N, C-alpha and C. Protein backbone atom coordinates (compact mmCIF):
# COMPACT_ATOMS: atom_id res chain seq x y z
N UNK A 1 -68.91 4.26 12.69
CA UNK A 1 -68.43 3.94 11.37
C UNK A 1 -67.11 4.66 11.08
N UNK A 2 -67.01 5.96 11.45
CA UNK A 2 -65.79 6.72 11.20
C UNK A 2 -64.62 6.13 11.97
N UNK A 3 -64.87 5.67 13.22
CA UNK A 3 -63.80 5.07 14.03
C UNK A 3 -63.30 3.80 13.37
N UNK A 4 -64.21 3.01 12.81
CA UNK A 4 -63.83 1.77 12.15
C UNK A 4 -62.97 2.05 10.93
N UNK A 5 -63.37 3.04 10.11
CA UNK A 5 -62.59 3.39 8.93
C UNK A 5 -61.22 3.94 9.32
N UNK A 6 -61.18 4.77 10.36
CA UNK A 6 -59.91 5.32 10.83
C UNK A 6 -58.97 4.22 11.29
N UNK A 7 -59.49 3.26 12.06
CA UNK A 7 -58.69 2.15 12.54
C UNK A 7 -58.21 1.30 11.37
N UNK A 8 -59.09 1.07 10.41
CA UNK A 8 -58.70 0.29 9.24
C UNK A 8 -57.58 0.98 8.48
N UNK A 9 -57.64 2.29 8.36
CA UNK A 9 -56.58 3.04 7.67
C UNK A 9 -55.25 2.90 8.38
N UNK A 10 -55.27 2.95 9.71
CA UNK A 10 -54.05 2.79 10.49
C UNK A 10 -53.47 1.40 10.30
N UNK A 11 -54.32 0.38 10.31
CA UNK A 11 -53.87 -1.00 10.13
C UNK A 11 -53.23 -1.18 8.76
N UNK A 12 -53.87 -0.63 7.72
CA UNK A 12 -53.32 -0.73 6.36
C UNK A 12 -51.99 -0.01 6.28
N UNK A 13 -51.89 1.17 6.86
CA UNK A 13 -50.64 1.94 6.83
C UNK A 13 -49.53 1.17 7.54
N UNK A 14 -49.83 0.59 8.69
CA UNK A 14 -48.83 -0.17 9.43
C UNK A 14 -48.41 -1.41 8.65
N UNK A 15 -49.34 -2.07 8.00
CA UNK A 15 -49.01 -3.24 7.19
C UNK A 15 -48.10 -2.85 6.05
N UNK A 16 -48.34 -1.69 5.45
CA UNK A 16 -47.49 -1.23 4.35
C UNK A 16 -46.08 -0.97 4.84
N UNK A 17 -45.94 -0.36 6.01
CA UNK A 17 -44.61 -0.10 6.56
C UNK A 17 -43.89 -1.40 6.90
N UNK A 18 -44.63 -2.35 7.46
CA UNK A 18 -44.03 -3.61 7.87
C UNK A 18 -43.56 -4.41 6.66
N UNK A 19 -44.22 -4.21 5.51
CA UNK A 19 -43.86 -5.00 4.34
C UNK A 19 -42.87 -4.28 3.43
N UNK A 20 -42.31 -3.18 3.91
CA UNK A 20 -41.33 -2.45 3.09
C UNK A 20 -40.17 -3.37 2.78
N UNK A 21 -39.82 -3.43 1.51
CA UNK A 21 -38.73 -4.32 1.10
C UNK A 21 -37.45 -3.54 0.94
N UNK A 22 -36.36 -4.19 1.25
CA UNK A 22 -35.06 -3.58 1.13
C UNK A 22 -34.70 -3.37 -0.34
N UNK A 23 -33.98 -2.32 -0.60
CA UNK A 23 -33.43 -2.08 -1.94
C UNK A 23 -32.29 -3.08 -2.12
N UNK A 24 -32.32 -3.83 -3.19
CA UNK A 24 -31.25 -4.80 -3.47
C UNK A 24 -29.94 -4.06 -3.72
N UNK A 25 -28.81 -4.64 -3.33
CA UNK A 25 -27.53 -3.97 -3.56
C UNK A 25 -27.31 -3.55 -5.02
N UNK A 26 -27.83 -4.31 -5.95
CA UNK A 26 -27.65 -3.98 -7.37
C UNK A 26 -28.60 -2.88 -7.84
N UNK A 27 -29.59 -2.51 -7.00
CA UNK A 27 -30.56 -1.48 -7.37
C UNK A 27 -30.34 -0.15 -6.65
N UNK A 28 -29.27 -0.04 -5.88
CA UNK A 28 -28.99 1.20 -5.16
C UNK A 28 -28.62 2.28 -6.16
N UNK A 29 -29.23 3.46 -6.00
CA UNK A 29 -28.93 4.60 -6.86
C UNK A 29 -28.02 5.56 -6.12
N UNK A 30 -26.85 5.81 -6.72
CA UNK A 30 -25.87 6.73 -6.15
C UNK A 30 -25.91 8.04 -6.93
N UNK A 31 -26.01 9.15 -6.21
CA UNK A 31 -25.96 10.48 -6.83
C UNK A 31 -24.72 11.17 -6.29
N UNK A 32 -23.67 11.18 -7.10
CA UNK A 32 -22.37 11.70 -6.67
C UNK A 32 -21.92 11.03 -5.38
N UNK A 33 -22.14 9.74 -5.29
CA UNK A 33 -21.74 8.94 -4.14
C UNK A 33 -22.77 8.84 -3.05
N UNK A 34 -23.75 9.75 -3.02
CA UNK A 34 -24.77 9.77 -1.97
C UNK A 34 -25.95 8.87 -2.34
N UNK A 35 -26.60 8.33 -1.32
CA UNK A 35 -27.80 7.51 -1.49
C UNK A 35 -28.90 8.20 -0.70
N UNK A 36 -29.83 8.83 -1.40
CA UNK A 36 -30.82 9.68 -0.74
C UNK A 36 -31.95 8.92 -0.07
N UNK A 37 -32.25 7.72 -0.52
CA UNK A 37 -33.37 6.99 0.06
C UNK A 37 -32.88 5.85 0.95
N UNK A 38 -33.66 5.56 1.96
CA UNK A 38 -33.35 4.47 2.88
C UNK A 38 -33.23 3.16 2.11
N UNK A 39 -32.28 2.34 2.48
CA UNK A 39 -32.12 1.04 1.84
C UNK A 39 -33.12 0.01 2.35
N UNK A 40 -33.60 0.22 3.57
CA UNK A 40 -34.50 -0.76 4.18
C UNK A 40 -35.94 -0.28 4.29
N UNK A 41 -36.15 1.03 4.20
CA UNK A 41 -37.49 1.58 4.40
C UNK A 41 -37.86 1.69 5.86
N UNK A 42 -36.93 1.36 6.73
CA UNK A 42 -37.15 1.41 8.18
C UNK A 42 -36.08 2.30 8.80
N UNK A 43 -36.47 3.19 9.72
CA UNK A 43 -35.46 4.05 10.36
C UNK A 43 -34.36 3.23 11.03
N UNK A 44 -33.15 3.77 11.02
CA UNK A 44 -32.04 3.10 11.65
C UNK A 44 -32.10 3.17 13.16
N UNK A 45 -31.44 2.20 13.80
CA UNK A 45 -31.35 2.12 15.25
C UNK A 45 -29.91 2.44 15.64
N UNK A 46 -29.66 3.64 16.21
CA UNK A 46 -28.27 4.02 16.52
C UNK A 46 -27.58 3.10 17.52
N UNK A 47 -28.33 2.49 18.43
CA UNK A 47 -27.71 1.57 19.40
C UNK A 47 -27.17 0.34 18.68
N UNK A 48 -27.95 -0.21 17.75
CA UNK A 48 -27.47 -1.36 16.98
C UNK A 48 -26.32 -0.92 16.07
N UNK A 49 -26.41 0.28 15.52
CA UNK A 49 -25.32 0.80 14.69
C UNK A 49 -24.02 0.87 15.45
N UNK A 50 -24.08 1.30 16.72
CA UNK A 50 -22.87 1.37 17.55
C UNK A 50 -22.29 -0.03 17.75
N UNK A 51 -23.14 -1.02 17.92
CA UNK A 51 -22.66 -2.40 18.07
C UNK A 51 -21.98 -2.89 16.80
N UNK A 52 -22.52 -2.52 15.64
CA UNK A 52 -21.94 -2.94 14.37
C UNK A 52 -20.58 -2.31 14.12
N UNK A 53 -20.30 -1.17 14.77
CA UNK A 53 -19.01 -0.49 14.61
C UNK A 53 -17.88 -1.30 15.24
N UNK A 54 -18.22 -2.16 16.20
CA UNK A 54 -17.24 -2.96 16.92
C UNK A 54 -16.75 -4.11 16.04
N UNK A 55 -15.87 -4.91 16.59
CA UNK A 55 -15.34 -6.07 15.87
C UNK A 55 -16.50 -6.95 15.40
N UNK A 56 -16.31 -7.61 14.30
CA UNK A 56 -17.35 -8.46 13.75
C UNK A 56 -17.69 -8.03 12.34
N UNK A 57 -18.93 -8.07 11.99
CA UNK A 57 -19.36 -7.80 10.62
C UNK A 57 -18.98 -6.40 10.15
N UNK A 58 -19.32 -5.36 10.91
CA UNK A 58 -19.00 -4.00 10.51
C UNK A 58 -17.53 -3.69 10.70
N UNK A 59 -17.05 -3.88 11.91
CA UNK A 59 -15.64 -3.71 12.26
C UNK A 59 -15.07 -2.35 11.85
N UNK A 60 -15.89 -1.31 11.91
CA UNK A 60 -15.47 0.04 11.50
C UNK A 60 -14.27 0.53 12.31
N UNK A 61 -14.23 0.16 13.60
CA UNK A 61 -13.16 0.68 14.45
C UNK A 61 -11.81 0.03 14.16
N UNK A 62 -11.77 -0.94 13.29
CA UNK A 62 -10.48 -1.49 12.90
C UNK A 62 -9.68 -0.44 12.13
N UNK A 63 -10.39 0.46 11.45
CA UNK A 63 -9.73 1.50 10.65
C UNK A 63 -10.00 2.92 11.14
N UNK A 64 -11.10 3.12 11.84
CA UNK A 64 -11.52 4.46 12.26
C UNK A 64 -11.53 4.58 13.78
N UNK A 65 -11.22 5.78 14.26
CA UNK A 65 -11.33 6.09 15.68
C UNK A 65 -12.68 6.77 15.91
N UNK A 66 -13.34 6.39 17.02
CA UNK A 66 -14.63 6.97 17.38
C UNK A 66 -14.60 7.22 18.89
N UNK A 67 -14.47 8.47 19.28
CA UNK A 67 -14.37 8.81 20.70
C UNK A 67 -15.60 8.35 21.49
N UNK A 68 -16.77 8.37 20.86
CA UNK A 68 -17.99 7.94 21.54
C UNK A 68 -17.95 6.45 21.89
N UNK A 69 -17.03 5.73 21.27
CA UNK A 69 -16.87 4.29 21.55
C UNK A 69 -15.51 4.03 22.20
N UNK A 70 -15.06 4.96 23.04
CA UNK A 70 -13.73 4.87 23.65
C UNK A 70 -13.56 3.62 24.51
N UNK A 71 -14.66 2.99 24.90
CA UNK A 71 -14.57 1.76 25.69
C UNK A 71 -14.12 0.58 24.83
N UNK A 72 -14.12 0.73 23.51
CA UNK A 72 -13.67 -0.33 22.62
C UNK A 72 -12.18 -0.14 22.34
N UNK A 73 -11.42 -1.16 22.61
CA UNK A 73 -9.96 -1.08 22.47
C UNK A 73 -9.52 -1.24 21.02
N UNK A 74 -8.30 -0.84 20.76
CA UNK A 74 -7.61 -1.06 19.49
C UNK A 74 -8.32 -0.40 18.31
N UNK A 75 -8.67 0.87 18.46
CA UNK A 75 -9.28 1.60 17.36
C UNK A 75 -8.20 1.98 16.34
N UNK A 76 -8.60 2.00 15.09
CA UNK A 76 -7.65 2.20 14.01
C UNK A 76 -7.39 3.65 13.67
N UNK A 77 -6.36 3.85 12.86
CA UNK A 77 -6.04 5.19 12.38
C UNK A 77 -5.74 5.16 10.87
N UNK A 78 -6.22 4.14 10.19
CA UNK A 78 -6.03 4.03 8.74
C UNK A 78 -6.99 5.00 8.03
N UNK A 79 -8.24 5.00 8.47
CA UNK A 79 -9.23 5.91 7.92
C UNK A 79 -9.36 7.13 8.81
N UNK A 80 -10.13 8.11 8.37
CA UNK A 80 -10.30 9.32 9.18
C UNK A 80 -11.08 9.03 10.46
N UNK A 81 -10.86 9.84 11.47
CA UNK A 81 -11.67 9.76 12.69
C UNK A 81 -13.12 10.02 12.30
N UNK A 82 -14.03 9.30 12.93
CA UNK A 82 -15.44 9.50 12.63
C UNK A 82 -16.10 10.48 13.59
N UNK A 83 -15.31 11.05 14.51
CA UNK A 83 -15.84 12.10 15.37
C UNK A 83 -16.30 13.26 14.48
N UNK A 84 -17.50 13.74 14.69
CA UNK A 84 -18.03 14.84 13.89
C UNK A 84 -18.48 14.43 12.50
N UNK A 85 -18.65 13.13 12.25
CA UNK A 85 -19.06 12.65 10.92
C UNK A 85 -20.36 13.31 10.46
N UNK A 86 -21.30 13.51 11.37
CA UNK A 86 -22.59 14.11 11.00
C UNK A 86 -22.47 15.58 10.65
N UNK A 87 -21.38 16.21 11.06
CA UNK A 87 -21.14 17.61 10.69
C UNK A 87 -20.42 17.71 9.33
N UNK A 88 -19.70 16.66 8.95
CA UNK A 88 -18.94 16.68 7.69
C UNK A 88 -19.74 16.14 6.51
N UNK A 89 -20.63 15.19 6.76
CA UNK A 89 -21.38 14.55 5.69
C UNK A 89 -22.87 14.54 6.01
N UNK A 90 -23.69 14.57 5.00
CA UNK A 90 -25.15 14.45 5.17
C UNK A 90 -25.50 12.98 5.39
N UNK A 91 -26.72 12.75 5.79
CA UNK A 91 -27.19 11.37 5.97
C UNK A 91 -27.06 10.59 4.66
N UNK A 92 -27.43 11.20 3.55
CA UNK A 92 -27.35 10.54 2.24
C UNK A 92 -25.90 10.22 1.88
N UNK A 93 -24.99 11.14 2.18
CA UNK A 93 -23.57 10.91 1.90
C UNK A 93 -23.02 9.79 2.78
N UNK A 94 -23.40 9.77 4.05
CA UNK A 94 -22.96 8.70 4.94
C UNK A 94 -23.50 7.35 4.48
N UNK A 95 -24.76 7.32 4.05
CA UNK A 95 -25.35 6.07 3.55
C UNK A 95 -24.55 5.57 2.34
N UNK A 96 -24.19 6.48 1.44
CA UNK A 96 -23.40 6.10 0.28
C UNK A 96 -22.02 5.61 0.66
N UNK A 97 -21.39 6.27 1.64
CA UNK A 97 -20.06 5.86 2.08
C UNK A 97 -20.08 4.47 2.72
N UNK A 98 -21.09 4.20 3.53
CA UNK A 98 -21.17 2.88 4.17
C UNK A 98 -21.51 1.81 3.14
N UNK A 99 -22.45 2.11 2.26
CA UNK A 99 -22.86 1.11 1.26
C UNK A 99 -21.73 0.79 0.30
N UNK A 100 -21.09 1.82 -0.25
CA UNK A 100 -20.01 1.61 -1.21
C UNK A 100 -19.18 2.89 -1.33
N UNK A 101 -18.20 3.02 -0.48
CA UNK A 101 -17.37 4.23 -0.44
C UNK A 101 -16.64 4.48 -1.76
N UNK A 102 -16.48 3.44 -2.55
CA UNK A 102 -15.78 3.58 -3.83
C UNK A 102 -16.56 4.46 -4.82
N UNK A 103 -17.83 4.68 -4.55
CA UNK A 103 -18.62 5.56 -5.41
C UNK A 103 -18.28 7.03 -5.13
N UNK A 104 -17.69 7.31 -3.97
CA UNK A 104 -17.26 8.67 -3.62
C UNK A 104 -15.75 8.82 -3.73
N UNK A 105 -15.03 7.86 -3.19
CA UNK A 105 -13.57 7.88 -3.16
C UNK A 105 -13.06 6.66 -3.93
N UNK A 106 -12.79 6.85 -5.21
CA UNK A 106 -12.47 5.74 -6.12
C UNK A 106 -11.38 4.80 -5.60
N UNK A 107 -10.30 5.31 -5.08
CA UNK A 107 -9.19 4.46 -4.68
C UNK A 107 -9.20 4.01 -3.24
N UNK A 108 -10.30 4.23 -2.53
CA UNK A 108 -10.33 3.90 -1.11
C UNK A 108 -10.17 2.41 -0.86
N UNK A 109 -9.58 2.09 0.28
CA UNK A 109 -9.46 0.69 0.67
C UNK A 109 -10.64 0.26 1.56
N UNK A 110 -11.55 1.21 1.84
CA UNK A 110 -12.72 0.88 2.66
C UNK A 110 -13.58 -0.16 1.94
N UNK A 111 -13.99 -1.21 2.65
CA UNK A 111 -14.83 -2.22 2.02
C UNK A 111 -16.17 -1.65 1.57
N UNK A 112 -16.72 -2.25 0.56
CA UNK A 112 -18.08 -1.91 0.11
C UNK A 112 -19.02 -2.81 0.90
N UNK A 113 -19.71 -2.25 1.87
CA UNK A 113 -20.51 -3.05 2.79
C UNK A 113 -21.86 -3.47 2.22
N UNK A 114 -22.32 -2.84 1.15
CA UNK A 114 -23.61 -3.22 0.56
C UNK A 114 -23.46 -3.35 -0.95
N UNK A 115 -22.62 -4.28 -1.32
CA UNK A 115 -22.31 -4.53 -2.73
C UNK A 115 -22.21 -6.02 -2.93
N UNK A 116 -22.65 -6.50 -4.10
CA UNK A 116 -22.63 -7.94 -4.35
C UNK A 116 -22.04 -8.32 -5.70
N UNK A 117 -21.58 -7.33 -6.48
CA UNK A 117 -21.02 -7.66 -7.78
C UNK A 117 -19.90 -6.68 -8.13
N UNK A 118 -19.17 -7.04 -9.19
CA UNK A 118 -18.09 -6.18 -9.63
C UNK A 118 -16.78 -6.42 -8.90
N UNK A 119 -16.70 -7.52 -8.17
CA UNK A 119 -15.47 -7.85 -7.46
C UNK A 119 -14.50 -8.53 -8.43
N UNK A 120 -13.22 -8.37 -8.18
CA UNK A 120 -12.21 -8.99 -9.04
C UNK A 120 -12.08 -10.48 -8.72
N UNK A 121 -12.00 -10.79 -7.44
CA UNK A 121 -11.76 -12.18 -7.07
C UNK A 121 -12.32 -12.48 -5.67
N UNK A 122 -13.65 -12.58 -5.54
CA UNK A 122 -14.18 -12.87 -4.20
C UNK A 122 -13.82 -14.29 -3.77
N UNK A 123 -13.52 -14.43 -2.51
CA UNK A 123 -13.16 -15.74 -1.98
C UNK A 123 -14.18 -16.25 -0.99
N UNK A 124 -14.10 -17.52 -0.71
CA UNK A 124 -14.97 -18.18 0.25
C UNK A 124 -14.28 -18.18 1.60
N UNK A 125 -14.57 -17.12 2.39
CA UNK A 125 -13.93 -17.00 3.70
C UNK A 125 -12.42 -16.90 3.54
N UNK A 126 -11.69 -17.68 4.30
CA UNK A 126 -10.23 -17.66 4.25
C UNK A 126 -9.69 -18.96 3.66
N UNK A 127 -10.50 -19.61 2.83
CA UNK A 127 -10.11 -20.91 2.28
C UNK A 127 -9.23 -20.81 1.05
N UNK A 128 -9.22 -19.65 0.38
CA UNK A 128 -8.48 -19.51 -0.86
C UNK A 128 -9.26 -20.03 -2.06
N UNK A 129 -10.48 -20.52 -1.81
CA UNK A 129 -11.33 -21.03 -2.89
C UNK A 129 -12.33 -19.96 -3.31
N UNK A 130 -12.76 -20.02 -4.57
CA UNK A 130 -13.76 -19.02 -5.02
C UNK A 130 -15.08 -19.19 -4.28
N UNK A 131 -15.82 -18.11 -4.17
CA UNK A 131 -17.10 -18.15 -3.50
C UNK A 131 -18.06 -19.03 -4.29
N UNK A 132 -18.88 -19.78 -3.57
CA UNK A 132 -19.88 -20.63 -4.22
C UNK A 132 -21.24 -19.96 -4.08
N UNK A 133 -21.97 -19.84 -5.19
CA UNK A 133 -23.28 -19.21 -5.15
C UNK A 133 -23.16 -17.69 -5.23
N UNK A 134 -24.23 -17.02 -4.86
CA UNK A 134 -24.27 -15.56 -4.94
C UNK A 134 -23.46 -14.94 -3.81
N UNK A 135 -22.79 -13.84 -4.10
CA UNK A 135 -22.06 -13.07 -3.09
C UNK A 135 -23.09 -12.30 -2.29
N UNK A 136 -22.98 -12.35 -0.97
CA UNK A 136 -23.88 -11.62 -0.09
C UNK A 136 -23.20 -10.33 0.38
N UNK A 137 -23.97 -9.26 0.61
CA UNK A 137 -23.34 -8.04 1.12
C UNK A 137 -22.81 -8.27 2.54
N UNK A 138 -21.80 -7.50 2.93
CA UNK A 138 -21.25 -7.63 4.27
C UNK A 138 -22.26 -7.19 5.33
N UNK A 139 -23.04 -6.15 5.04
CA UNK A 139 -24.09 -5.68 5.94
C UNK A 139 -25.43 -5.77 5.23
N UNK A 140 -26.48 -6.02 5.99
CA UNK A 140 -27.83 -5.99 5.43
C UNK A 140 -28.25 -4.53 5.22
N UNK A 141 -29.33 -4.33 4.49
CA UNK A 141 -29.85 -2.98 4.27
C UNK A 141 -30.15 -2.31 5.61
N UNK A 142 -30.74 -3.06 6.55
CA UNK A 142 -31.06 -2.48 7.85
C UNK A 142 -29.80 -2.19 8.65
N UNK A 143 -28.78 -3.04 8.53
CA UNK A 143 -27.51 -2.77 9.20
C UNK A 143 -26.91 -1.46 8.71
N UNK A 144 -26.97 -1.22 7.40
CA UNK A 144 -26.45 0.04 6.85
C UNK A 144 -27.20 1.21 7.47
N UNK A 145 -28.54 1.10 7.52
CA UNK A 145 -29.35 2.18 8.10
C UNK A 145 -29.01 2.39 9.58
N UNK A 146 -28.74 1.29 10.30
CA UNK A 146 -28.38 1.40 11.72
C UNK A 146 -27.03 2.10 11.89
N UNK A 147 -26.04 1.74 11.08
CA UNK A 147 -24.73 2.38 11.17
C UNK A 147 -24.86 3.86 10.83
N UNK A 148 -25.60 4.19 9.77
CA UNK A 148 -25.80 5.59 9.39
C UNK A 148 -26.48 6.35 10.52
N UNK A 149 -27.47 5.72 11.15
CA UNK A 149 -28.17 6.36 12.27
C UNK A 149 -27.21 6.66 13.41
N UNK A 150 -26.30 5.74 13.69
CA UNK A 150 -25.30 5.99 14.73
C UNK A 150 -24.35 7.12 14.30
N UNK A 151 -23.87 7.06 13.06
CA UNK A 151 -22.95 8.09 12.58
C UNK A 151 -23.59 9.48 12.64
N UNK A 152 -24.90 9.55 12.45
CA UNK A 152 -25.60 10.84 12.51
C UNK A 152 -25.62 11.42 13.93
N UNK A 153 -25.28 10.61 14.93
CA UNK A 153 -25.19 11.12 16.30
C UNK A 153 -23.82 11.71 16.60
N UNK A 154 -22.86 11.51 15.71
CA UNK A 154 -21.48 11.96 15.94
C UNK A 154 -21.28 13.37 15.44
N UNK A 155 -21.53 14.33 16.33
CA UNK A 155 -21.39 15.75 16.00
C UNK A 155 -20.29 16.35 16.85
N UNK A 156 -19.63 17.38 16.31
CA UNK A 156 -18.57 18.06 17.07
C UNK A 156 -19.16 18.84 18.22
């Protein structure tokens, strides 16, 4: 009987973890720019985070240099180098910076990767036309967690 109850408890706990819902971009709580709780409820995957740093959706290396990704060409120098990011910022601060850096650095040109409102003039791709329907964040909640997980590996 005890084994059955123990197994049932594990199944319920796993089901609860699997059903964790992402925090909506409009419900993110920033404390001095930092976001203390996971946006997805699931630990980040640093390998996927490294992939997101490359060209494409995240495209972090367009503006930032990352020595750990030296195999990726044409790294930028517009933003600060991300080498040692985990030594300069906490996980919560990095999550806030990736989600919406404007909450920490008001005038930054860094995109808000997990934001869906408050834009001056969102466009529909490169068409010059206004966006139709709801604006979607550039990264999903899990993508943000993956990028933060990768950034946490960047120590001096």
